[in-house]
Amino acid sequence: MSGRERASGGSRYLYDSFDAAAARIEANERVAEERWSALEYRLTQIDGALERLEKRIWLGVYGVAAFLLAQGAEAVLKAAMR
């Protein structure tokens, strides 16, 4: 028997439609996997950007706090000198 002949007989088009459906499902699964990996890549990039932004914000907060402490210390020293 060749690959196209079936033991039960019937038209080959009955079986080809199932093969096409399976191929379509496999193609959709591959596309979904690629989309998922692209999504994971972009989420990793976004996470890295957010971490860098957080570091910059904390640096700014610490800078403002240091400035205010320096101003307070200067005011205390000026008050002590009088």
C-alpha atoms as a PDB file:
ATOM      1  CA  MET A   1       0.000   0.000   0.000  1.00  0.00           C
ATOM      2  CA  SER A   2       1.186   3.468  -0.747  1.00  0.00           C
ATOM      3  CA  GLY A   3       0.958   6.369   1.717  1.00  0.00           C
ATOM      4  CA  ARG A   4      -2.241   7.722   0.138  1.00  0.00           C
ATOM      5  CA  GLU A   5      -4.218   4.492   0.120  1.00  0.00           C
ATOM      6  CA  ARG A   6      -6.080   3.675   3.304  1.00  0.00           C
ATOM      7  CA  ALA A   7      -7.068   0.233   4.453  1.00  0.00           C
ATOM      8  CA  SER A   8     -10.652   1.340   5.052  1.00  0.00           C
ATOM      9  CA  GLY A   9     -10.943   2.894   1.596  1.00  0.00           C
ATOM     10  CA  GLY A  10     -12.668   6.154   0.827  1.00  0.00           C
ATOM     11  CA  SER A  11     -11.467   9.372  -0.619  1.00  0.00           C
ATOM     12  CA  ARG A  12      -8.056  10.730   0.236  1.00  0.00           C
ATOM     13  CA  TYR A  13      -9.640  14.145   0.717  1.00  0.00           C
ATOM     14  CA  LEU A  14     -11.295  12.865   3.873  1.00  0.00           C
ATOM     15  CA  TYR A  15      -7.861  12.405   5.437  1.00  0.00           C
ATOM     16  CA  ASP A  16      -6.090  15.395   3.864  1.00  0.00           C
ATOM     17  CA  SER A  17      -8.392  17.824   5.620  1.00  0.00           C
ATOM     18  CA  PHE A  18      -7.283  16.467   8.996  1.00  0.00           C
ATOM     19  CA  ASP A  19      -3.625  16.775   7.990  1.00  0.00           C
ATOM     20  CA  ALA A  20      -4.206  20.399   6.971  1.00  0.00           C
ATOM     21  CA  ALA A  21      -5.969  21.119  10.258  1.00  0.00           C
ATOM     22  CA  ALA A  22      -3.079  19.612  12.219  1.00  0.00           C
ATOM     23  CA  ALA A  23      -0.578  21.670  10.222  1.00  0.00           C
ATOM     24  CA  ARG A  24      -2.619  24.812  10.845  1.00  0.00           C
ATOM     25  CA  ILE A  25      -2.715  24.076  14.573  1.00  0.00           C
ATOM     26  CA  GLU A  26       1.047  23.497  14.649  1.00  0.00           C
ATOM     27  CA  ALA A  27       1.646  26.739  12.769  1.00  0.00           C
ATOM     28  CA  ASN A  28      -0.578  28.622  15.211  1.00  0.00           C
ATOM     29  CA  GLU A  29       1.301  27.075  18.129  1.00  0.00           C
ATOM     30  CA  ARG A  30       4.650  28.166  16.660  1.00  0.00           C
ATOM     31  CA  VAL A  31       3.319  31.690  16.150  1.00  0.00           C
ATOM     32  CA  ALA A  32       2.029  31.758  19.735  1.00  0.00           C
ATOM     33  CA  GLU A  33       5.426  30.591  21.030  1.00  0.00           C
ATOM     34  CA  GLU A  34       7.215  33.313  19.064  1.00  0.00           C
ATOM     35  CA  ARG A  35       4.802  35.943  20.329  1.00  0.00           C
ATOM     36  CA  TRP A  36       5.269  34.713  23.885  1.00  0.00           C
ATOM     37  CA  SER A  37       9.062  34.860  23.621  1.00  0.00           C
ATOM     38  CA  ALA A  38       8.834  38.370  22.124  1.00  0.00           C
ATOM     39  CA  LEU A  39       6.555  39.397  24.996  1.00  0.00           C
ATOM     40  CA  GLU A  40       8.999  37.996  27.555  1.00  0.00           C
ATOM     41  CA  TYR A  41      11.859  39.871  25.857  1.00  0.00           C
ATOM     42  CA  ARG A  42       9.951  43.166  25.925  1.00  0.00           C
ATOM     43  CA  LEU A  43       8.934  42.634  29.564  1.00  0.00           C
ATOM     44  CA  THR A  44      12.592  42.051  30.442  1.00  0.00           C
ATOM     45  CA  GLN A  45      13.506  45.289  28.677  1.00  0.00           C
ATOM     46  CA  ILE A  46      10.748  47.185  30.485  1.00  0.00           C
ATOM     47  CA  ASP A  47      11.808  45.714  33.824  1.00  0.00           C
ATOM     48  CA  GLY A  48      15.390  46.858  33.256  1.00  0.00           C
ATOM     49  CA  ALA A  49      14.232  50.352  32.314  1.00  0.00           C
ATOM     50  CA  LEU A  50      12.077  50.547  35.447  1.00  0.00           C
ATOM     51  CA  GLU A  51      15.007  49.488  37.633  1.00  0.00           C
ATOM     52  CA  ARG A  52      17.205  52.209  36.103  1.00  0.00           C
ATOM     53  CA  LEU A  53      14.439  54.768  36.603  1.00  0.00           C
ATOM     54  CA  GLU A  54      14.026  53.699  40.225  1.00  0.00           C
ATOM     55  CA  LYS A  55      17.758  54.158  40.837  1.00  0.00           C
ATOM     56  CA  ARG A  56      17.612  57.649  39.346  1.00  0.00           C
ATOM     57  CA  ILE A  57      14.627  58.586  41.473  1.00  0.00           C
ATOM     58  CA  TRP A  58      16.318  57.379  44.672  1.00  0.00           C
ATOM     59  CA  LEU A  59      19.462  59.275  43.715  1.00  0.00           C
ATOM     60  CA  GLY A  60      17.359  62.427  43.375  1.00  0.00           C
ATOM     61  CA  VAL A  61      15.623  61.793  46.699  1.00  0.00           C
ATOM     62  CA  TYR A  62      18.958  61.292  48.468  1.00  0.00           C
ATOM     63  CA  GLY A  63      20.354  64.402  46.780  1.00  0.00           C
ATOM     64  CA  VAL A  64      17.454  66.539  48.003  1.00  0.00           C
ATOM     65  CA  ALA A  65      17.752  65.052  51.507  1.00  0.00           C
ATOM     66  CA  ALA A  66      21.507  65.770  51.554  1.00  0.00           C
ATOM     67  CA  PHE A  67      20.891  69.349  50.398  1.00  0.00           C
ATOM     68  CA  LEU A  68      18.303  69.910  53.126  1.00  0.00           C
ATOM     69  CA  LEU A  69      20.581  68.412  55.778  1.00  0.00           C
ATOM     70  CA  ALA A  70      23.436  70.633  54.610  1.00  0.00           C
ATOM     71  CA  GLN A  71      21.179  73.694  54.783  1.00  0.00           C
ATOM     72  CA  GLY A  72      20.071  72.695  58.289  1.00  0.00           C
ATOM     73  CA  ALA A  73      23.647  72.138  59.426  1.00  0.00           C
ATOM     74  CA  GLU A  74      24.653  75.534  58.004  1.00  0.00           C
ATOM     75  CA  ALA A  75      21.773  77.215  59.854  1.00  0.00           C
ATOM     76  CA  VAL A  76      22.780  75.489  63.112  1.00  0.00           C
ATOM     77  CA  LEU A  77      26.423  76.577  62.691  1.00  0.00           C
ATOM     78  CA  LYS A  78      25.415  80.190  61.945  1.00  0.00           C
ATOM     79  CA  ALA A  79      23.148  80.198  65.017  1.00  0.00           C
ATOM     80  CA  ALA A  80      25.977  78.808  67.175  1.00  0.00           C
ATOM     81  CA  MET A  81      28.411  81.521  65.972  1.00  0.00           C
ATOM     82  CA  ARG A  82      26.172  84.425  67.056  1.00  0.00           C
END
